[in-house]
C-alpha cells in the first residue's frame, strides 16, 4: 500500500505524539510492506510554520532534521511540479489550507 503522510501525521510520527492513531502507526511502521511518502509541500509548510512561530521544533536546522527523519523512517519524498500546482485550480474548495491542496 502507498501512504502519503500529511504534515501533522509526519510531525506526530517523528515526535511519537499520542494524537497519531494506533492504526496510522501500524500502517507507517509496517516493516517495509507499505511505501510511505512525504510531500515536498509538507517540508515547505513545516519551514513556514517554524519561521512564523506556529510550530515549535527542537532545532532550527530543518535542512538537516527533515532529511534525517525521512531516511530513518524509510519515507520517500514526493516532489511538487508545476503540473501539480496548476491542477489545484480545479479542486473542490473543501478547506482553506493551501498546502493540503498539493497532495
C-alpha atoms as a PDB file:
ATOM      1  CA  UNK A   1       0.000   0.000   0.000  1.00  0.00           C
ATOM      2  CA  UNK A   2       1.148   3.547  -0.656  1.00  0.00           C
ATOM      3  CA  UNK A   3       0.753   6.007   2.217  1.00  0.00           C
ATOM      4  CA  UNK A   4       1.107   9.773   1.949  1.00  0.00           C
ATOM      5  CA  UNK A   5       1.752  11.384   5.328  1.00  0.00           C
ATOM      6  CA  UNK A   6       0.272  14.810   5.778  1.00  0.00           C
ATOM      7  CA  UNK A   7       2.298  17.379   7.679  1.00  0.00           C
ATOM      8  CA  UNK A   8       0.766  16.674  11.085  1.00  0.00           C
ATOM      9  CA  UNK A   9       0.995  12.903  10.685  1.00  0.00           C
ATOM     10  CA  UNK A  10       4.707  13.224   9.901  1.00  0.00           C
ATOM     11  CA  UNK A  11       5.348  15.553  12.853  1.00  0.00           C
ATOM     12  CA  UNK A  12       3.347  13.327  15.187  1.00  0.00           C
ATOM     13  CA  UNK A  13       5.128  10.205  13.898  1.00  0.00           C
ATOM     14  CA  UNK A  14       8.668  11.513  14.409  1.00  0.00           C
ATOM     15  CA  UNK A  15       7.704  13.030  17.782  1.00  0.00           C
ATOM     16  CA  UNK A  16       5.855   9.906  18.974  1.00  0.00           C
ATOM     17  CA  UNK A  17       2.821  12.107  19.617  1.00  0.00           C
ATOM     18  CA  UNK A  18      -0.221  10.274  21.038  1.00  0.00           C
ATOM     19  CA  UNK A  19      -2.511  12.189  18.647  1.00  0.00           C
ATOM     20  CA  UNK A  20      -1.390   9.827  15.870  1.00  0.00           C
ATOM     21  CA  UNK A  21      -3.797   6.902  15.915  1.00  0.00           C
ATOM     22  CA  UNK A  22      -2.645   3.345  16.523  1.00  0.00           C
ATOM     23  CA  UNK A  23      -3.980   2.380  13.093  1.00  0.00           C
ATOM     24  CA  UNK A  24      -1.838   5.070  11.445  1.00  0.00           C
ATOM     25  CA  UNK A  25       1.191   3.988  13.479  1.00  0.00           C
ATOM     26  CA  UNK A  26       0.713   0.413  12.361  1.00  0.00           C
ATOM     27  CA  UNK A  27       0.492   1.374   8.694  1.00  0.00           C
ATOM     28  CA  UNK A  28       3.588   3.561   8.854  1.00  0.00           C
ATOM     29  CA  UNK A  29       5.616   1.053  10.871  1.00  0.00           C
ATOM     30  CA  UNK A  30       4.596  -1.899   8.703  1.00  0.00           C
ATOM     31  CA  UNK A  31       8.226  -3.097   8.297  1.00  0.00           C
ATOM     32  CA  UNK A  32       8.577  -2.103   4.665  1.00  0.00           C
ATOM     33  CA  UNK A  33       5.319  -3.636   3.464  1.00  0.00           C
ATOM     34  CA  UNK A  34       3.958  -0.148   2.749  1.00  0.00           C
ATOM     35  CA  UNK A  35       5.545   2.672   0.769  1.00  0.00           C
ATOM     36  CA  UNK A  36       5.499   5.821   2.885  1.00  0.00           C
ATOM     37  CA  UNK A  37       5.665   9.198   1.152  1.00  0.00           C
ATOM     38  CA  UNK A  38       6.286  12.728   2.399  1.00  0.00           C
ATOM     39  CA  UNK A  39       5.248  15.590   0.142  1.00  0.00           C
ATOM     40  CA  UNK A  40       7.664  18.398  -0.578  1.00  0.00           C
ATOM     41  CA  UNK A  41       4.647  20.587   0.267  1.00  0.00           C
ATOM     42  CA  UNK A  42       4.892  19.332   3.859  1.00  0.00           C
ATOM     43  CA  UNK A  43       8.531  20.367   4.059  1.00  0.00           C
ATOM     44  CA  UNK A  44       7.545  23.793   2.792  1.00  0.00           C
ATOM     45  CA  UNK A  45       4.681  24.013   5.295  1.00  0.00           C
ATOM     46  CA  UNK A  46       6.913  22.983   8.211  1.00  0.00           C
ATOM     47  CA  UNK A  47       9.558  25.559   7.269  1.00  0.00           C
ATOM     48  CA  UNK A  48       6.987  28.353   7.074  1.00  0.00           C
ATOM     49  CA  UNK A  49       5.272  27.376  10.336  1.00  0.00           C
ATOM     50  CA  UNK A  50       8.579  27.170  12.220  1.00  0.00           C
ATOM     51  CA  UNK A  51       9.641  30.537  10.800  1.00  0.00           C
ATOM     52  CA  UNK A  52       6.459  32.338  11.881  1.00  0.00           C
ATOM     53  CA  UNK A  53       6.380  30.623  15.280  1.00  0.00           C
ATOM     54  CA  UNK A  54       3.350  28.448  14.607  1.00  0.00           C
ATOM     55  CA  UNK A  55       5.309  25.238  15.102  1.00  0.00           C
ATOM     56  CA  UNK A  56       7.987  24.532  17.679  1.00  0.00           C
ATOM     57  CA  UNK A  57      10.756  22.050  16.893  1.00  0.00           C
ATOM     58  CA  UNK A  58      13.866  21.148  18.864  1.00  0.00           C
ATOM     59  CA  UNK A  59      16.176  22.611  16.201  1.00  0.00           C
ATOM     60  CA  UNK A  60      16.217  25.379  13.646  1.00  0.00           C
ATOM     61  CA  UNK A  61      18.276  23.203  11.294  1.00  0.00           C
ATOM     62  CA  UNK A  62      15.356  21.859   9.291  1.00  0.00           C
ATOM     63  CA  UNK A  63      17.658  21.229   6.313  1.00  0.00           C
ATOM     64  CA  UNK A  64      19.266  18.509   8.426  1.00  0.00           C
ATOM     65  CA  UNK A  65      16.358  17.361  10.632  1.00  0.00           C
ATOM     66  CA  UNK A  66      13.792  16.606   7.934  1.00  0.00           C
ATOM     67  CA  UNK A  67      16.075  14.565   5.610  1.00  0.00           C
ATOM     68  CA  UNK A  68      17.457  12.628   8.595  1.00  0.00           C
ATOM     69  CA  UNK A  69      13.953  11.765   9.780  1.00  0.00           C
ATOM     70  CA  UNK A  70      12.834  10.799   6.280  1.00  0.00           C
ATOM     71  CA  UNK A  71      15.806   8.456   5.893  1.00  0.00           C
ATOM     72  CA  UNK A  72      15.431   6.992   9.394  1.00  0.00           C
ATOM     73  CA  UNK A  73      11.761   6.270   8.781  1.00  0.00           C
ATOM     74  CA  UNK A  74      12.041   4.993   5.214  1.00  0.00           C
ATOM     75  CA  UNK A  75       9.967   7.819   3.721  1.00  0.00           C
ATOM     76  CA  UNK A  76      10.223   8.753   0.081  1.00  0.00           C
ATOM     77  CA  UNK A  77       9.881  12.387  -0.967  1.00  0.00           C
ATOM     78  CA  UNK A  78       7.020  13.184  -3.291  1.00  0.00           C
ATOM     79  CA  UNK A  79       8.127  16.201  -5.348  1.00  0.00           C
ATOM     80  CA  UNK A  80       5.971  19.108  -6.480  1.00  0.00           C
ATOM     81  CA  UNK A  81       5.937  20.109 -10.122  1.00  0.00           C
ATOM     82  CA  UNK A  82       4.309  22.974 -11.971  1.00  0.00           C
ATOM     83  CA  UNK A  83       1.715  20.499 -13.259  1.00  0.00           C
ATOM     84  CA  UNK A  84       0.757  19.639  -9.676  1.00  0.00           C
ATOM     85  CA  UNK A  85       0.394  23.253  -8.603  1.00  0.00           C
ATOM     86  CA  UNK A  86      -1.743  24.152 -11.598  1.00  0.00           C
ATOM     87  CA  UNK A  87      -4.106  21.231 -11.036  1.00  0.00           C
ATOM     88  CA  UNK A  88      -5.098  22.695  -7.664  1.00  0.00           C
ATOM     89  CA  UNK A  89      -7.164  25.217  -9.612  1.00  0.00           C
ATOM     90  CA  UNK A  90      -9.803  22.607 -10.408  1.00  0.00           C
ATOM     91  CA  UNK A  91     -10.057  21.024  -6.955  1.00  0.00           C
ATOM     92  CA  UNK A  92     -13.199  21.461  -4.844  1.00  0.00           C
ATOM     93  CA  UNK A  93     -12.883  24.142  -2.171  1.00  0.00           C
ATOM     94  CA  UNK A  94     -13.305  21.877   0.879  1.00  0.00           C
ATOM     95  CA  UNK A  95     -10.981  23.922   3.097  1.00  0.00           C
ATOM     96  CA  UNK A  96      -8.649  26.906   3.026  1.00  0.00           C
ATOM     97  CA  UNK A  97      -5.320  25.185   3.800  1.00  0.00           C
ATOM     98  CA  UNK A  98      -3.464  25.624   0.524  1.00  0.00           C
ATOM     99  CA  UNK A  99      -0.762  23.125   1.458  1.00  0.00           C
ATOM    100  CA  UNK A 100      -3.329  20.338   1.727  1.00  0.00           C
ATOM    101  CA  UNK A 101      -4.324  21.071  -1.853  1.00  0.00           C
ATOM    102  CA  UNK A 102      -0.852  19.998  -3.086  1.00  0.00           C
ATOM    103  CA  UNK A 103      -1.085  16.369  -2.046  1.00  0.00           C
END
